[in-house]
Amino acid sequence: MLEVKNLTKRYGRLKAVDGVSFVLPDGAVTVLLGPNGVGKSTVLKSIVGFLKYDGQIRVDGHANKSLEAKRLLGYIPELPSFYPNLTVEEHLEFVARAYRLKDYREYAAELLDRMDMMDKKKKFGDELSKGMQQKLSICCGLLTRPRIILVDEPMIGLDPKAIKELKTIFREKREAGCSLLVSTHLLDSVDTLWDQTVIMQGGQVKACVRREDLDRQGESLEELFFSITEREEDSRQEEE
């Protein structure tokens, strides 16, 4: 389980994230929704430990920057960055060595096959298209078999077949008891996947809702999302 308490991130006088709190239950897909620029990526980077912040983040009871927590976390960024002089398979080997993985090659091959990357194993990082970079990023993020998976805008740049396969992988990970946090502003990319949604606006959490609760209310995710974000935008314009 991952728990975020009162997460606040400042850049000078700007509060990019303001008092964000939520919990990722085991065996569930939580979708972090919000328009561009509301702090979603900042939340994910804080959880992974890339940023300094105020507040508390615990991963299975451990501080998120501890080695125990890092062994449980997997991260797939929105903008992958690879070494130009390493091949696809060498990038996977690099991850395996960093995490001291043993007997990883069969699983690495399975991931490459599912992402239609087997014929790209010898290609260098700077030879890959945007879509291929995203696929390699997915493979690298999943190679360690993390229990908590953080994904930032995963569908951007992927072809329809890869999107379908990635959704299948997400379902498999959920059934295996993993926690997934998927950040996106594209509602239709996650509409059939989510178990819980956290909706952000203006750096703050405006709603945290489970699918079954929303179904009982007879409201769709799209209706909830726009009722919150449009109301907040109208309020902001009135203040100005």
Protein backbone atom coordinates (compact mmCIF):
# COMPACT_ATOMS: atom_id res chain seq x y z
CA MET A 1 0.00 0.00 0.00
CA LEU A 2 1.15 3.53 -0.76
CA GLU A 3 0.06 6.44 1.41
CA VAL A 4 0.52 10.13 0.57
CA LYS A 5 -0.12 12.63 3.38
CA ASN A 6 -0.24 16.39 2.95
CA LEU A 7 2.22 16.41 0.03
CA THR A 8 3.26 19.98 -0.79
CA LYS A 9 5.81 21.03 -3.39
CA ARG A 10 6.95 24.63 -3.84
CA TYR A 11 8.98 26.23 -6.59
CA GLY A 12 9.87 29.53 -5.00
CA ARG A 13 6.57 31.21 -4.16
CA LEU A 14 4.60 28.89 -6.44
CA LYS A 15 2.82 25.92 -4.86
CA ALA A 16 2.78 23.31 -7.60
CA VAL A 17 1.18 20.77 -5.25
CA ASP A 18 -0.76 21.88 -2.18
CA GLY A 19 -1.61 19.44 0.62
CA VAL A 20 -2.30 16.36 -1.53
CA SER A 21 -3.36 13.23 0.37
CA PHE A 22 -4.59 9.83 -0.85
CA VAL A 23 -4.03 6.10 -0.41
CA LEU A 24 -3.39 3.46 -3.07
CA PRO A 25 -5.08 0.21 -2.01
CA ASP A 26 -3.54 -3.12 -2.97
CA GLY A 27 -4.92 -4.81 -6.07
CA ALA A 28 -6.45 -1.67 -7.55
CA VAL A 29 -5.91 0.80 -10.37
CA THR A 30 -6.04 4.39 -9.15
CA VAL A 31 -6.28 7.04 -11.84
CA LEU A 32 -4.81 10.48 -11.13
CA LEU A 33 -6.89 12.82 -13.29
CA GLY A 34 -6.65 16.50 -14.04
CA PRO A 35 -5.98 19.00 -16.83
CA ASN A 36 -2.42 19.68 -17.91
CA GLY A 37 -0.39 21.65 -15.40
CA VAL A 38 -2.29 20.79 -12.20
CA GLY A 39 0.60 18.94 -10.55
CA LYS A 40 0.03 15.29 -11.51
CA SER A 41 3.58 14.66 -12.72
CA THR A 42 4.96 16.49 -9.69
CA VAL A 43 3.05 14.09 -7.42
CA LEU A 44 4.48 11.05 -9.22
CA LYS A 45 8.05 12.42 -9.20
CA SER A 46 7.73 13.18 -5.49
CA ILE A 47 6.57 9.63 -4.77
CA VAL A 48 9.47 8.16 -6.74
CA GLY A 49 11.88 10.39 -4.84
CA PHE A 50 13.06 12.66 -7.64
CA LEU A 51 11.91 15.84 -5.87
CA LYS A 52 12.20 17.42 -2.46
CA TYR A 53 8.82 18.10 -0.85
CA ASP A 54 6.97 18.73 2.39
CA GLY A 55 4.66 16.05 3.76
CA GLN A 56 4.94 12.29 4.13
CA ILE A 57 4.97 9.43 1.63
CA ARG A 58 5.03 5.82 2.85
CA VAL A 59 5.44 2.69 0.73
CA ASP A 60 4.34 -0.43 2.56
CA GLY A 61 5.23 1.36 5.78
CA HIS A 62 8.66 2.53 4.57
CA ALA A 63 9.73 6.09 3.74
CA ASN A 64 9.52 6.45 -0.04
CA LYS A 65 13.22 7.28 -0.46
CA SER A 66 14.40 4.21 1.46
CA LEU A 67 15.90 1.20 -0.29
CA GLU A 68 13.00 -0.95 0.95
CA ALA A 69 10.51 1.35 -0.75
CA LYS A 70 12.50 1.67 -3.98
CA ARG A 71 12.51 -2.10 -4.37
CA LEU A 72 8.71 -2.04 -4.41
CA LEU A 73 8.25 0.93 -6.77
CA GLY A 74 8.21 0.95 -10.56
CA TYR A 75 8.02 4.18 -12.59
CA ILE A 76 7.14 4.75 -16.24
CA PRO A 77 7.65 8.47 -17.05
CA GLU A 78 5.77 10.54 -19.60
CA LEU A 79 8.99 11.51 -21.40
CA PRO A 80 11.42 8.60 -21.45
CA SER A 81 15.13 9.33 -21.82
CA PHE A 82 17.61 6.72 -22.96
CA TYR A 83 21.35 6.44 -23.45
CA PRO A 84 22.14 6.93 -27.16
CA ASN A 85 24.97 4.36 -27.12
CA LEU A 86 23.05 1.54 -25.42
CA THR A 87 20.84 -0.85 -27.34
CA VAL A 88 17.32 -1.83 -26.30
CA GLU A 89 18.48 -5.06 -24.67
CA GLU A 90 21.42 -3.26 -23.01
CA HIS A 91 19.00 -0.81 -21.40
CA LEU A 92 17.13 -3.76 -19.89
CA GLU A 93 20.41 -5.26 -18.72
CA PHE A 94 21.34 -1.92 -17.16
CA VAL A 95 18.09 -1.94 -15.13
CA ALA A 96 18.63 -5.57 -14.15
CA ARG A 97 22.17 -4.87 -12.92
CA ALA A 98 21.05 -1.75 -11.02
CA TYR A 99 18.42 -3.80 -9.15
CA ARG A 100 20.64 -6.91 -8.94
CA LEU A 101 18.03 -9.00 -10.71
CA LYS A 102 18.71 -12.67 -11.37
CA ASP A 103 17.16 -14.82 -14.09
CA TYR A 104 15.54 -11.77 -15.66
CA ARG A 105 16.21 -12.51 -19.33
CA GLU A 106 13.14 -14.66 -19.95
CA TYR A 107 10.86 -12.02 -18.48
CA ALA A 108 12.68 -9.27 -20.41
CA ALA A 109 12.08 -11.19 -23.63
CA GLU A 110 8.40 -11.64 -22.72
CA LEU A 111 7.98 -7.90 -22.17
CA LEU A 112 9.73 -7.04 -25.44
CA ASP A 113 7.55 -9.56 -27.28
CA ARG A 114 4.34 -8.15 -25.81
CA MET A 115 5.41 -4.64 -26.85
CA ASP A 116 6.42 -5.82 -30.37
CA MET A 117 10.03 -4.88 -29.68
CA MET A 118 11.85 -8.17 -30.29
CA ASP A 119 13.08 -7.02 -33.68
CA LYS A 120 14.39 -3.78 -32.11
CA LYS A 121 16.68 -5.42 -29.53
CA LYS A 122 19.85 -4.26 -31.27
CA LYS A 123 18.69 -0.71 -31.97
CA PHE A 124 20.34 2.12 -30.06
CA GLY A 125 18.42 4.50 -27.84
CA ASP A 126 18.74 7.42 -30.27
CA GLU A 127 17.42 5.29 -33.14
CA LEU A 128 14.04 4.70 -31.53
CA SER A 129 10.88 6.58 -32.47
CA LYS A 130 8.75 8.25 -29.79
CA GLY A 131 6.44 5.25 -29.69
CA MET A 132 9.31 2.79 -29.47
CA GLN A 133 10.88 4.81 -26.65
CA GLN A 134 7.60 4.63 -24.75
CA LYS A 135 7.43 0.87 -25.26
CA LEU A 136 11.00 0.44 -23.99
CA SER A 137 10.20 2.64 -21.01
CA ILE A 138 7.27 0.34 -20.18
CA CYS A 139 9.51 -2.73 -20.40
CA CYS A 140 12.16 -1.14 -18.16
CA GLY A 141 9.55 -0.01 -15.63
CA LEU A 142 8.01 -3.48 -15.37
CA LEU A 143 11.22 -5.54 -15.47
CA THR A 144 11.75 -5.40 -11.69
CA ARG A 145 8.23 -6.79 -11.11
CA PRO A 146 7.29 -3.86 -8.85
CA ARG A 147 4.40 -4.14 -6.40
CA ILE A 148 3.49 -0.47 -6.85
CA ILE A 149 3.55 0.88 -10.40
CA LEU A 150 3.47 4.61 -11.20
CA VAL A 151 2.67 5.53 -14.79
CA ASP A 152 2.61 9.05 -16.26
CA GLU A 153 0.48 9.50 -19.42
CA PRO A 154 1.14 5.92 -20.58
CA MET A 155 -0.91 5.89 -23.78
CA ILE A 156 0.64 8.92 -25.48
CA GLY A 157 2.68 7.87 -28.51
CA LEU A 158 1.53 4.24 -28.48
CA ASP A 159 -0.17 2.52 -31.40
CA PRO A 160 -3.60 0.92 -30.84
CA LYS A 161 -2.18 -2.60 -30.48
CA ALA A 162 0.30 -1.48 -27.82
CA ILE A 163 -2.45 0.40 -25.95
CA LYS A 164 -4.58 -2.73 -25.89
CA GLU A 165 -1.66 -4.83 -24.65
CA LEU A 166 -0.73 -2.30 -21.97
CA LYS A 167 -4.28 -2.28 -20.64
CA THR A 168 -4.14 -6.08 -20.48
CA ILE A 169 -0.87 -5.88 -18.53
CA PHE A 170 -2.43 -3.39 -16.10
CA ARG A 171 -5.34 -5.78 -15.49
CA GLU A 172 -2.95 -8.67 -14.93
CA LYS A 173 -0.92 -6.64 -12.43
CA ARG A 174 -4.09 -5.65 -10.59
CA GLU A 175 -5.22 -9.29 -10.39
CA ALA A 176 -1.78 -10.17 -9.00
CA GLY A 177 -2.37 -7.74 -6.13
CA CYS A 178 -0.26 -4.83 -7.38
CA SER A 179 -1.20 -1.19 -6.84
CA LEU A 180 -1.19 1.04 -9.93
CA LEU A 181 -1.28 4.83 -10.08
CA VAL A 182 -1.95 6.05 -13.63
CA SER A 183 -1.69 9.78 -14.26
CA THR A 184 -3.52 11.12 -17.30
CA HIS A 185 -5.74 13.86 -18.69
CA LEU A 186 -7.25 11.52 -21.29
CA LEU A 187 -10.44 10.11 -19.77
CA ASP A 188 -11.22 7.62 -22.51
CA SER A 189 -7.80 5.94 -22.14
CA VAL A 190 -8.64 4.68 -18.64
CA ASP A 191 -12.44 4.60 -18.52
CA THR A 192 -12.65 0.78 -18.38
CA LEU A 193 -9.62 0.31 -16.11
CA TRP A 194 -10.00 2.35 -12.97
CA ASP A 195 -11.08 1.25 -9.48
CA GLN A 196 -10.43 4.58 -7.76
CA THR A 197 -9.93 8.09 -9.12
CA VAL A 198 -8.14 11.06 -7.61
CA ILE A 199 -9.08 14.29 -9.39
CA MET A 200 -6.74 17.26 -9.12
CA GLN A 201 -7.22 20.92 -9.96
CA GLY A 202 -4.98 23.83 -9.04
CA GLY A 203 -2.44 21.59 -7.30
CA GLN A 204 -5.05 20.17 -4.90
CA VAL A 205 -7.14 17.01 -4.66
CA LYS A 206 -10.77 17.91 -5.35
CA ALA A 207 -12.21 14.38 -5.23
CA CYS A 208 -11.20 10.82 -4.35
CA VAL A 209 -13.90 8.40 -5.46
CA ARG A 210 -14.23 4.64 -5.89
CA ARG A 211 -15.87 3.25 -9.02
CA GLU A 212 -18.61 1.42 -7.09
CA ASP A 213 -19.56 4.62 -5.26
CA LEU A 214 -19.82 6.55 -8.49
CA ASP A 215 -21.88 3.75 -10.08
CA ARG A 216 -24.30 3.87 -7.14
CA GLN A 217 -24.73 7.60 -7.70
CA GLY A 218 -25.50 6.97 -11.38
CA GLU A 219 -22.74 9.34 -12.46
CA SER A 220 -20.04 8.70 -15.06
CA LEU A 221 -16.35 9.49 -14.61
CA GLU A 222 -16.58 12.06 -17.38
CA GLU A 223 -19.50 13.83 -15.70
CA LEU A 224 -17.69 13.92 -12.37
CA PHE A 225 -14.45 15.16 -13.92
CA PHE A 226 -16.02 18.05 -15.82
CA SER A 227 -18.32 19.03 -12.97
CA ILE A 228 -15.24 19.51 -10.78
CA THR A 229 -12.78 21.04 -13.23
CA GLU A 230 -15.28 23.39 -14.90
CA ARG A 231 -16.63 24.54 -11.54
CA GLU A 232 -13.10 25.29 -10.34
CA GLU A 233 -12.29 27.14 -13.55
CA ASP A 234 -15.45 29.25 -13.26
CA SER A 235 -14.58 30.11 -9.65
CA ARG A 236 -11.06 31.13 -10.62
CA GLN A 237 -12.34 33.41 -13.39
CA GLU A 238 -14.82 35.06 -11.02
CA GLU A 239 -12.01 35.80 -8.55
CA GLU A 240 -9.99 37.44 -11.31
